Amino acid sequence: MHTPSPAVLIGGRAVATAAHIYTVVGCAHTVDGVPQPCVSVRFTASASGVTVAGAPVLLDTYTSAAQCFSAALVAQGPPVVSAAQQEVSLR
């Protein structure tokens, strides 16, 4: 994820905004048999009114509208977002 400056932190992590561009790996998308993998995702924030440095905050990436793009910035459709484990704390 590209984090624009200045970053606002919540719980020590940067808040995601519509200005962020997420990198995609492992996309097997093809067009007419030619590989056209998605390499980035851009989200559109809801009209919550919450902004950071003028960019709308993504309050929920599972419900925010998003679009995948190829390296040539051709729109490829919506992404499939899945939960990933962020960190593990052992005590």
C-alpha atoms as a PDB file:
ATOM      1  CA  MET A   1       0.000   0.000   0.000  1.00  0.00           C
ATOM      2  CA  HIS A   2       1.280   3.430  -0.882  1.00  0.00           C
ATOM      3  CA  THR A   3       0.726   5.775   2.078  1.00  0.00           C
ATOM      4  CA  PRO A   4       0.509   9.446   1.140  1.00  0.00           C
ATOM      5  CA  SER A   5       1.921  12.025   3.579  1.00  0.00           C
ATOM      6  CA  PRO A   6       0.964  13.079   6.128  1.00  0.00           C
ATOM      7  CA  ALA A   7      -0.131   9.798   7.681  1.00  0.00           C
ATOM      8  CA  VAL A   8      -2.718   9.749  10.446  1.00  0.00           C
ATOM      9  CA  LEU A   9      -2.272   6.845  12.822  1.00  0.00           C
ATOM     10  CA  ILE A  10      -4.895   4.877  14.713  1.00  0.00           C
ATOM     11  CA  GLY A  11      -3.533   2.198  16.990  1.00  0.00           C
ATOM     12  CA  GLY A  12      -0.076   2.807  15.498  1.00  0.00           C
ATOM     13  CA  ARG A  13      -1.229   2.096  11.922  1.00  0.00           C
ATOM     14  CA  ALA A  14      -1.836   4.506   9.065  1.00  0.00           C
ATOM     15  CA  VAL A  15      -5.478   5.271   8.245  1.00  0.00           C
ATOM     16  CA  ALA A  16      -6.405   4.178   4.707  1.00  0.00           C
ATOM     17  CA  THR A  17      -7.864   6.853   2.437  1.00  0.00           C
ATOM     18  CA  ALA A  18      -9.152   7.040  -1.122  1.00  0.00           C
ATOM     19  CA  ALA A  19      -5.703   8.474  -2.000  1.00  0.00           C
ATOM     20  CA  HIS A  20      -4.055   5.107  -1.225  1.00  0.00           C
ATOM     21  CA  ILE A  21      -3.236   2.702  -4.045  1.00  0.00           C
ATOM     22  CA  TYR A  22      -3.045  -0.969  -3.058  1.00  0.00           C
ATOM     23  CA  THR A  23      -0.606  -3.294  -4.872  1.00  0.00           C
ATOM     24  CA  VAL A  24      -1.936  -6.636  -6.135  1.00  0.00           C
ATOM     25  CA  VAL A  25       0.112  -9.823  -6.561  1.00  0.00           C
ATOM     26  CA  GLY A  26      -0.849 -13.189  -8.008  1.00  0.00           C
ATOM     27  CA  CYS A  27      -3.692 -11.969 -10.246  1.00  0.00           C
ATOM     28  CA  ALA A  28      -4.303 -14.344 -13.169  1.00  0.00           C
ATOM     29  CA  HIS A  29      -6.738 -12.093 -15.092  1.00  0.00           C
ATOM     30  CA  THR A  30      -6.648 -12.531 -18.895  1.00  0.00           C
ATOM     31  CA  VAL A  31      -8.340 -10.776 -21.835  1.00  0.00           C
ATOM     32  CA  ASP A  32      -8.859 -12.896 -24.954  1.00  0.00           C
ATOM     33  CA  GLY A  33      -6.230 -15.350 -23.674  1.00  0.00           C
ATOM     34  CA  VAL A  34      -3.617 -12.612 -23.124  1.00  0.00           C
ATOM     35  CA  PRO A  35      -2.425 -12.123 -19.524  1.00  0.00           C
ATOM     36  CA  GLN A  36      -3.611  -8.737 -18.190  1.00  0.00           C
ATOM     37  CA  PRO A  37      -3.036  -9.136 -14.466  1.00  0.00           C
ATOM     38  CA  CYS A  38      -4.434  -6.627 -11.997  1.00  0.00           C
ATOM     39  CA  VAL A  39      -1.528  -4.792 -10.382  1.00  0.00           C
ATOM     40  CA  SER A  40      -3.328  -2.142  -8.313  1.00  0.00           C
ATOM     41  CA  VAL A  41      -6.643  -1.422  -6.612  1.00  0.00           C
ATOM     42  CA  ARG A  42      -8.159   1.981  -5.965  1.00  0.00           C
ATOM     43  CA  PHE A  43     -11.013   2.366  -3.490  1.00  0.00           C
ATOM     44  CA  THR A  44     -13.749   4.991  -3.503  1.00  0.00           C
ATOM     45  CA  ALA A  45     -14.681   6.082  -0.008  1.00  0.00           C
ATOM     46  CA  SER A  46     -18.249   6.430   1.187  1.00  0.00           C
ATOM     47  CA  ALA A  47     -19.737   9.841   1.787  1.00  0.00           C
ATOM     48  CA  SER A  48     -18.927   9.713   5.501  1.00  0.00           C
ATOM     49  CA  GLY A  49     -17.444  13.198   5.498  1.00  0.00           C
ATOM     50  CA  VAL A  50     -14.313  11.979   7.342  1.00  0.00           C
ATOM     51  CA  THR A  51     -11.128  13.115   5.575  1.00  0.00           C
ATOM     52  CA  VAL A  52      -7.367  13.085   6.145  1.00  0.00           C
ATOM     53  CA  ALA A  53      -5.383  15.745   4.284  1.00  0.00           C
ATOM     54  CA  GLY A  54      -8.472  16.263   2.089  1.00  0.00           C
ATOM     55  CA  ALA A  55      -8.787  12.589   1.083  1.00  0.00           C
ATOM     56  CA  PRO A  56     -11.892  10.612   2.144  1.00  0.00           C
ATOM     57  CA  VAL A  57     -11.145   7.939   4.764  1.00  0.00           C
ATOM     58  CA  LEU A  58     -11.893   4.296   3.925  1.00  0.00           C
ATOM     59  CA  LEU A  59     -13.947   3.208   6.895  1.00  0.00           C
ATOM     60  CA  ASP A  60     -14.563  -0.344   5.641  1.00  0.00           C
ATOM     61  CA  THR A  61     -12.588  -1.777   2.689  1.00  0.00           C
ATOM     62  CA  TYR A  62     -15.042  -4.682   2.493  1.00  0.00           C
ATOM     63  CA  THR A  63     -17.972  -2.402   1.603  1.00  0.00           C
ATOM     64  CA  SER A  64     -16.200   0.494  -0.135  1.00  0.00           C
ATOM     65  CA  ALA A  65     -16.428   0.541  -3.929  1.00  0.00           C
ATOM     66  CA  ALA A  66     -13.153  -0.401  -5.615  1.00  0.00           C
ATOM     67  CA  GLN A  67     -11.684  -0.991  -9.053  1.00  0.00           C
ATOM     68  CA  CYS A  68      -8.718  -3.146 -10.122  1.00  0.00           C
ATOM     69  CA  PHE A  69      -6.325  -1.834 -12.775  1.00  0.00           C
ATOM     70  CA  SER A  70      -3.757  -3.426 -15.082  1.00  0.00           C
ATOM     71  CA  ALA A  71      -0.233  -2.034 -15.489  1.00  0.00           C
ATOM     72  CA  ALA A  72      -1.615   0.023 -18.419  1.00  0.00           C
ATOM     73  CA  LEU A  73      -4.275   1.440 -16.035  1.00  0.00           C
ATOM     74  CA  VAL A  74      -7.077  -0.453 -17.802  1.00  0.00           C
ATOM     75  CA  ALA A  75     -10.002  -1.029 -15.425  1.00  0.00           C
ATOM     76  CA  GLN A  76     -10.405  -4.753 -14.700  1.00  0.00           C
ATOM     77  CA  GLY A  77     -13.455  -4.845 -12.425  1.00  0.00           C
ATOM     78  CA  PRO A  78     -13.933  -5.033  -8.668  1.00  0.00           C
ATOM     79  CA  PRO A  79     -11.444  -6.857  -6.436  1.00  0.00           C
ATOM     80  CA  VAL A  80     -12.176  -9.779  -4.163  1.00  0.00           C
ATOM     81  CA  VAL A  81     -11.086  -8.637  -0.714  1.00  0.00           C
ATOM     82  CA  SER A  82     -10.267 -11.309   1.837  1.00  0.00           C
ATOM     83  CA  ALA A  83      -9.235 -10.986   5.448  1.00  0.00           C
ATOM     84  CA  ALA A  84      -5.553 -11.461   6.172  1.00  0.00           C
ATOM     85  CA  GLN A  85      -3.887 -11.871   9.534  1.00  0.00           C
ATOM     86  CA  GLN A  86      -2.056  -8.641  10.301  1.00  0.00           C
ATOM     87  CA  GLU A  87      -0.009  -9.666  13.327  1.00  0.00           C
ATOM     88  CA  VAL A  88       0.252 -12.206  16.085  1.00  0.00           C
ATOM     89  CA  SER A  89       1.029 -11.344  19.696  1.00  0.00           C
ATOM     90  CA  LEU A  90       2.301 -14.056  22.022  1.00  0.00           C
ATOM     91  CA  ARG A  91       2.153 -13.447  25.733  1.00  0.00           C
END
